[in-house]
Amino acid sequence: MKEITAKEVEQRLKGGHRLHIIDVRETEEVAAGAIPGALNIPLGLLEFRMNELSKDREYVIVCRSGGRSAKAVQLLERYGYKAANMTGGMLAWEGPVKQWEESR
C-alpha cells in the first residue's frame, strides 16, 4: 500500500500541487475541521460512490488516525483506483483546517 505523510501532503499543497484528497471520516468528525479542498466520502459509503472518482487520478485518503484510510486504500486498489494512505491521519495534520461548512 502506498503511503504519504501528513507533512508531505502539507508541503505539496503549499507548493501549489493539486491533490485529490478524500476524507473518509464520518460527517460529524469532518464538521470539526478538514483539510481545505478535501472531499468527504465516509468509509461506509465509499464503495457506493466510487463512480464519482476517476481511475486516471491518484487520491490521498485521510481519516482520523490512518486505520480507516488504510481500509479505503485497499478497497480502491481492489477496484483499480490509485490511492495513498495519509499516515497518522488528521491527528498528524499540522496544516490549515477549514470548517466543513466552508469546505463545501
Protein backbone atom coordinates (compact mmCIF):
# COMPACT_ATOMS: atom_id res chain seq x y z
CA MET A 1 0.00 0.00 0.00
CA LYS A 2 1.30 3.41 -0.93
CA GLU A 3 1.63 5.85 1.95
CA ILE A 4 2.26 9.56 2.30
CA THR A 5 2.90 11.54 5.47
CA ALA A 6 0.76 14.45 6.61
CA LYS A 7 3.85 16.69 6.32
CA GLU A 8 4.37 15.61 2.67
CA VAL A 9 0.74 16.38 1.87
CA GLU A 10 1.05 19.79 3.53
CA GLN A 11 4.28 20.58 1.63
CA ARG A 12 2.78 19.55 -1.71
CA LEU A 13 -0.28 21.72 -1.12
CA LYS A 14 1.93 24.67 -0.12
CA GLY A 15 3.97 24.07 -3.27
CA GLY A 16 0.87 24.51 -5.41
CA HIS A 17 0.33 20.85 -6.29
CA ARG A 18 -3.27 19.88 -6.92
CA LEU A 19 -4.03 16.90 -4.72
CA HIS A 20 -7.23 14.89 -4.77
CA ILE A 21 -7.93 14.30 -1.10
CA ILE A 22 -10.75 12.11 0.15
CA ASP A 23 -11.63 12.28 3.84
CA VAL A 24 -13.31 9.00 4.85
CA ARG A 25 -14.34 10.14 8.33
CA GLU A 26 -17.98 10.43 9.28
CA THR A 27 -19.70 13.75 8.62
CA GLU A 28 -19.78 14.63 12.33
CA GLU A 29 -15.99 14.19 12.54
CA VAL A 30 -15.36 16.31 9.45
CA ALA A 31 -17.51 19.09 10.92
CA ALA A 32 -14.72 19.70 13.46
CA GLY A 33 -12.36 20.54 10.61
CA ALA A 34 -10.96 19.13 7.40
CA ILE A 35 -8.08 19.69 5.02
CA PRO A 36 -9.15 22.51 2.67
CA GLY A 37 -10.46 21.09 -0.59
CA ALA A 38 -10.92 17.54 0.70
CA LEU A 39 -13.95 15.60 -0.48
CA ASN A 40 -15.85 13.84 2.32
CA ILE A 41 -16.95 10.31 1.50
CA PRO A 42 -17.44 8.30 4.71
CA LEU A 43 -15.78 4.88 4.52
CA GLY A 44 -19.13 3.08 4.68
CA LEU A 45 -20.28 4.90 1.53
CA LEU A 46 -17.05 4.72 -0.46
CA GLU A 47 -17.90 1.56 -2.38
CA PHE A 48 -21.23 3.07 -3.44
CA ARG A 49 -19.70 6.40 -4.50
CA MET A 50 -16.67 5.14 -6.43
CA ASN A 51 -18.44 6.09 -9.64
CA GLU A 52 -17.72 9.73 -8.67
CA LEU A 53 -13.97 9.05 -8.83
CA SER A 54 -11.60 8.76 -11.78
CA LYS A 55 -9.13 5.93 -12.30
CA ASP A 56 -6.86 8.48 -14.01
CA ARG A 57 -6.22 10.34 -10.74
CA GLU A 58 -4.31 9.43 -7.62
CA TYR A 59 -6.15 10.05 -4.39
CA VAL A 60 -4.80 10.84 -0.93
CA ILE A 61 -7.05 9.15 1.62
CA VAL A 62 -7.44 10.67 5.09
CA CYS A 63 -9.19 9.66 8.32
CA ARG A 64 -8.65 10.41 12.00
CA SER A 65 -5.57 8.25 12.63
CA GLY A 66 -4.86 6.21 9.49
CA GLY A 67 -6.79 2.98 10.09
CA ARG A 68 -9.96 3.66 8.12
CA SER A 69 -8.00 5.35 5.36
CA ALA A 70 -5.83 2.22 5.02
CA LYS A 71 -9.01 0.15 4.53
CA ALA A 72 -10.24 2.69 1.98
CA VAL A 73 -6.96 2.49 0.04
CA GLN A 74 -7.22 -1.31 -0.07
CA LEU A 75 -10.80 -1.08 -1.33
CA LEU A 76 -9.94 1.47 -4.01
CA GLU A 77 -6.89 -0.50 -5.18
CA ARG A 78 -9.00 -3.64 -5.46
CA TYR A 79 -11.20 -1.78 -7.98
CA GLY A 80 -8.27 -0.37 -9.94
CA TYR A 81 -8.00 3.12 -8.42
CA LYS A 82 -4.71 4.75 -7.42
CA ALA A 83 -4.62 5.86 -3.80
CA ALA A 84 -2.21 6.62 -0.98
CA ASN A 85 -2.89 6.46 2.74
CA MET A 86 -2.02 9.61 4.70
CA THR A 87 -0.29 8.04 7.68
CA GLY A 88 -1.29 9.35 11.08
CA GLY A 89 -4.45 10.89 9.67
CA MET A 90 -5.81 14.19 10.95
CA LEU A 91 -4.08 13.58 14.29
CA ALA A 92 -0.77 14.12 12.44
CA TRP A 93 -2.04 17.04 10.33
CA GLU A 94 -0.45 20.38 11.23
CA GLY A 95 -1.58 22.31 8.15
CA PRO A 96 -4.58 24.58 7.69
CA VAL A 97 -8.02 23.28 8.60
CA LYS A 98 -11.34 24.57 7.34
CA GLN A 99 -14.68 24.07 8.98
CA TRP A 100 -16.90 21.75 6.97
CA GLU A 101 -19.38 24.48 6.00
CA GLU A 102 -16.51 26.40 4.37
CA SER A 103 -15.19 23.30 2.58
CA ARG A 104 -18.39 22.53 0.66
